[in-house]
Amino acid sequence: MLWTIWRAILFDFFRLLLLTTAVVVATIVFATTIKPLADGKITAGQAIRFMGLAIPPMLSYALPFAAGFSATLTYHRIASENEATAIYAGGISHKKFLFPMLVCGVLIGG
């Protein structure tokens, strides 16, 4: 039963993490491209290439924020649908309930 709960939590978390990371990285990369493009230092074609080259460094800034936001949304959904109450009533402790996010936090932080 515990593996089923962890798998469901991690599935929701990684789905939201992928979506949130994509949105945050796209926003940051677009914002960093505007200034050189507006100053006329790069053309439209170079701006697209610049955006592609700026994605990997921006992931290091965006991933921790996206992970925190995704974890918050995942546990909010679980709490708002009373799944957390059912989990606690089933005898699963807070520590075991939060274990998937602890593992993800260590992996993303490392």
C-alpha atoms as a PDB file:
ATOM      1  CA  MET A   1       0.000   0.000   0.000  1.00  0.00           C
ATOM      2  CA  LEU A   2       2.816   2.374   0.818  1.00  0.00           C
ATOM      3  CA  TRP A   3       4.405   1.934  -2.613  1.00  0.00           C
ATOM      4  CA  THR A   4       1.089   2.730  -4.282  1.00  0.00           C
ATOM      5  CA  ILE A   5       0.756   5.987  -2.364  1.00  0.00           C
ATOM      6  CA  TRP A   6       4.360   6.970  -3.043  1.00  0.00           C
ATOM      7  CA  ARG A   7       3.980   6.171  -6.745  1.00  0.00           C
ATOM      8  CA  ALA A   8       0.831   8.313  -6.980  1.00  0.00           C
ATOM      9  CA  ILE A   9       2.493  11.205  -5.130  1.00  0.00           C
ATOM     10  CA  LEU A  10       5.622  11.025  -7.294  1.00  0.00           C
ATOM     11  CA  PHE A  11       3.584  10.801 -10.505  1.00  0.00           C
ATOM     12  CA  ASP A  12       1.694  14.000  -9.625  1.00  0.00           C
ATOM     13  CA  PHE A  13       4.876  15.692  -8.457  1.00  0.00           C
ATOM     14  CA  PHE A  14       6.909  14.926 -11.589  1.00  0.00           C
ATOM     15  CA  ARG A  15       4.026  15.874 -13.875  1.00  0.00           C
ATOM     16  CA  LEU A  16       3.745  19.256 -12.167  1.00  0.00           C
ATOM     17  CA  LEU A  17       7.531  19.604 -11.989  1.00  0.00           C
ATOM     18  CA  LEU A  18       7.880  19.172 -15.737  1.00  0.00           C
ATOM     19  CA  LEU A  19       5.140  21.681 -16.479  1.00  0.00           C
ATOM     20  CA  THR A  20       6.299  24.241 -13.912  1.00  0.00           C
ATOM     21  CA  THR A  21       9.949  23.974 -14.932  1.00  0.00           C
ATOM     22  CA  ALA A  22       9.074  24.478 -18.589  1.00  0.00           C
ATOM     23  CA  VAL A  23       7.015  27.580 -17.836  1.00  0.00           C
ATOM     24  CA  VAL A  24       9.568  29.128 -15.463  1.00  0.00           C
ATOM     25  CA  VAL A  25      12.549  28.433 -17.748  1.00  0.00           C
ATOM     26  CA  ALA A  26      10.723  29.768 -20.805  1.00  0.00           C
ATOM     27  CA  THR A  27       9.805  32.936 -18.925  1.00  0.00           C
ATOM     28  CA  ILE A  28      13.331  33.515 -17.625  1.00  0.00           C
ATOM     29  CA  VAL A  29      14.956  32.803 -20.997  1.00  0.00           C
ATOM     30  CA  PHE A  30      12.520  35.110 -22.779  1.00  0.00           C
ATOM     31  CA  ALA A  31      13.187  37.852 -20.228  1.00  0.00           C
ATOM     32  CA  THR A  32      16.967  37.556 -20.650  1.00  0.00           C
ATOM     33  CA  THR A  33      16.648  37.727 -24.440  1.00  0.00           C
ATOM     34  CA  ILE A  34      14.551  40.908 -24.544  1.00  0.00           C
ATOM     35  CA  LYS A  35      17.327  43.373 -23.599  1.00  0.00           C
ATOM     36  CA  PRO A  36      19.889  42.404 -26.296  1.00  0.00           C
ATOM     37  CA  LEU A  37      17.102  42.086 -28.856  1.00  0.00           C
ATOM     38  CA  ALA A  38      15.692  45.530 -28.010  1.00  0.00           C
ATOM     39  CA  ASP A  39      19.156  47.120 -28.137  1.00  0.00           C
ATOM     40  CA  GLY A  40      19.738  45.710 -31.610  1.00  0.00           C
ATOM     41  CA  LYS A  41      22.750  43.635 -30.549  1.00  0.00           C
ATOM     42  CA  ILE A  42      21.200  40.425 -31.864  1.00  0.00           C
ATOM     43  CA  THR A  43      18.785  39.632 -34.680  1.00  0.00           C
ATOM     44  CA  ALA A  44      15.608  37.573 -34.434  1.00  0.00           C
ATOM     45  CA  GLY A  45      17.390  34.425 -35.615  1.00  0.00           C
ATOM     46  CA  GLN A  46      20.189  34.956 -33.128  1.00  0.00           C
ATOM     47  CA  ALA A  47      17.608  35.537 -30.394  1.00  0.00           C
ATOM     48  CA  ILE A  48      16.132  32.076 -30.988  1.00  0.00           C
ATOM     49  CA  ARG A  49      19.621  30.553 -30.835  1.00  0.00           C
ATOM     50  CA  PHE A  50      20.417  32.591 -27.713  1.00  0.00           C
ATOM     51  CA  MET A  51      17.254  31.278 -26.067  1.00  0.00           C
ATOM     52  CA  GLY A  52      18.253  27.704 -26.866  1.00  0.00           C
ATOM     53  CA  LEU A  53      21.727  28.218 -25.435  1.00  0.00           C
ATOM     54  CA  ALA A  54      20.373  29.940 -22.310  1.00  0.00           C
ATOM     55  CA  ILE A  55      18.055  27.095 -21.297  1.00  0.00           C
ATOM     56  CA  PRO A  56      20.618  24.815 -19.536  1.00  0.00           C
ATOM     57  CA  PRO A  57      22.048  27.525 -17.249  1.00  0.00           C
ATOM     58  CA  MET A  58      18.569  28.779 -16.399  1.00  0.00           C
ATOM     59  CA  LEU A  59      17.537  25.294 -15.278  1.00  0.00           C
ATOM     60  CA  SER A  60      19.849  25.610 -12.282  1.00  0.00           C
ATOM     61  CA  TYR A  61      17.868  28.661 -11.144  1.00  0.00           C
ATOM     62  CA  ALA A  62      14.400  27.467 -12.076  1.00  0.00           C
ATOM     63  CA  LEU A  63      14.461  23.829 -10.954  1.00  0.00           C
ATOM     64  CA  PRO A  64      14.539  24.409  -7.164  1.00  0.00           C
ATOM     65  CA  PHE A  65      11.698  26.929  -7.327  1.00  0.00           C
ATOM     66  CA  ALA A  66       9.679  24.708  -9.638  1.00  0.00           C
ATOM     67  CA  ALA A  67      10.248  21.711  -7.353  1.00  0.00           C
ATOM     68  CA  GLY A  68       9.049  23.616  -4.291  1.00  0.00           C
ATOM     69  CA  PHE A  69       5.999  24.886  -6.127  1.00  0.00           C
ATOM     70  CA  SER A  70       5.210  21.426  -7.508  1.00  0.00           C
ATOM     71  CA  ALA A  71       5.538  19.781  -4.099  1.00  0.00           C
ATOM     72  CA  THR A  72       3.245  22.409  -2.610  1.00  0.00           C
ATOM     73  CA  LEU A  73       0.615  21.873  -5.302  1.00  0.00           C
ATOM     74  CA  THR A  74       0.867  18.090  -5.006  1.00  0.00           C
ATOM     75  CA  TYR A  75       0.300  18.033  -1.264  1.00  0.00           C
ATOM     76  CA  HIS A  76      -2.362  20.740  -1.520  1.00  0.00           C
ATOM     77  CA  ARG A  77      -4.339  18.577  -3.921  1.00  0.00           C
ATOM     78  CA  ILE A  78      -3.944  15.566  -1.650  1.00  0.00           C
ATOM     79  CA  ALA A  79      -5.092  17.567   1.377  1.00  0.00           C
ATOM     80  CA  SER A  80      -7.992  19.296  -0.384  1.00  0.00           C
ATOM     81  CA  GLU A  81      -9.419  15.996  -1.625  1.00  0.00           C
ATOM     82  CA  ASN A  82      -9.147  14.500   1.892  1.00  0.00           C
ATOM     83  CA  GLU A  83      -6.697  11.859   0.711  1.00  0.00           C
ATOM     84  CA  ALA A  84      -4.289  12.900   3.465  1.00  0.00           C
ATOM     85  CA  THR A  85      -6.954  12.197   6.089  1.00  0.00           C
ATOM     86  CA  ALA A  86      -7.483   8.745   4.610  1.00  0.00           C
ATOM     87  CA  ILE A  87      -3.740   8.109   4.556  1.00  0.00           C
ATOM     88  CA  TYR A  88      -3.375   9.104   8.204  1.00  0.00           C
ATOM     89  CA  ALA A  89      -6.441   7.045   9.136  1.00  0.00           C
ATOM     90  CA  GLY A  90      -4.797   4.086   7.425  1.00  0.00           C
ATOM     91  CA  GLY A  91      -1.934   4.247   9.908  1.00  0.00           C
ATOM     92  CA  ILE A  92       0.722   5.891   7.742  1.00  0.00           C
ATOM     93  CA  SER A  93       2.832   8.420   9.631  1.00  0.00           C
ATOM     94  CA  HIS A  94       3.728  11.938   8.538  1.00  0.00           C
ATOM     95  CA  LYS A  95       7.302  10.843   8.026  1.00  0.00           C
ATOM     96  CA  LYS A  96       6.362   8.077   5.604  1.00  0.00           C
ATOM     97  CA  PHE A  97       3.857  10.354   3.871  1.00  0.00           C
ATOM     98  CA  LEU A  98       6.501  13.033   3.207  1.00  0.00           C
ATOM     99  CA  PHE A  99       9.308  10.593   2.348  1.00  0.00           C
ATOM    100  CA  PRO A 100       8.944  10.898  -1.488  1.00  0.00           C
ATOM    101  CA  MET A 101       9.463  14.665  -1.340  1.00  0.00           C
ATOM    102  CA  LEU A 102      12.447  14.246   0.957  1.00  0.00           C
ATOM    103  CA  VAL A 103      14.091  11.934  -1.563  1.00  0.00           C
ATOM    104  CA  CYS A 104      13.268  14.271  -4.454  1.00  0.00           C
ATOM    105  CA  GLY A 105      14.600  17.261  -2.509  1.00  0.00           C
ATOM    106  CA  VAL A 106      17.893  15.510  -1.859  1.00  0.00           C
ATOM    107  CA  LEU A 107      18.210  14.444  -5.512  1.00  0.00           C
ATOM    108  CA  ILE A 108      17.353  17.875  -6.899  1.00  0.00           C
ATOM    109  CA  GLY A 109      19.532  19.639  -4.323  1.00  0.00           C
ATOM    110  CA  GLY A 110      22.477  17.388  -5.137  1.00  0.00           C
END
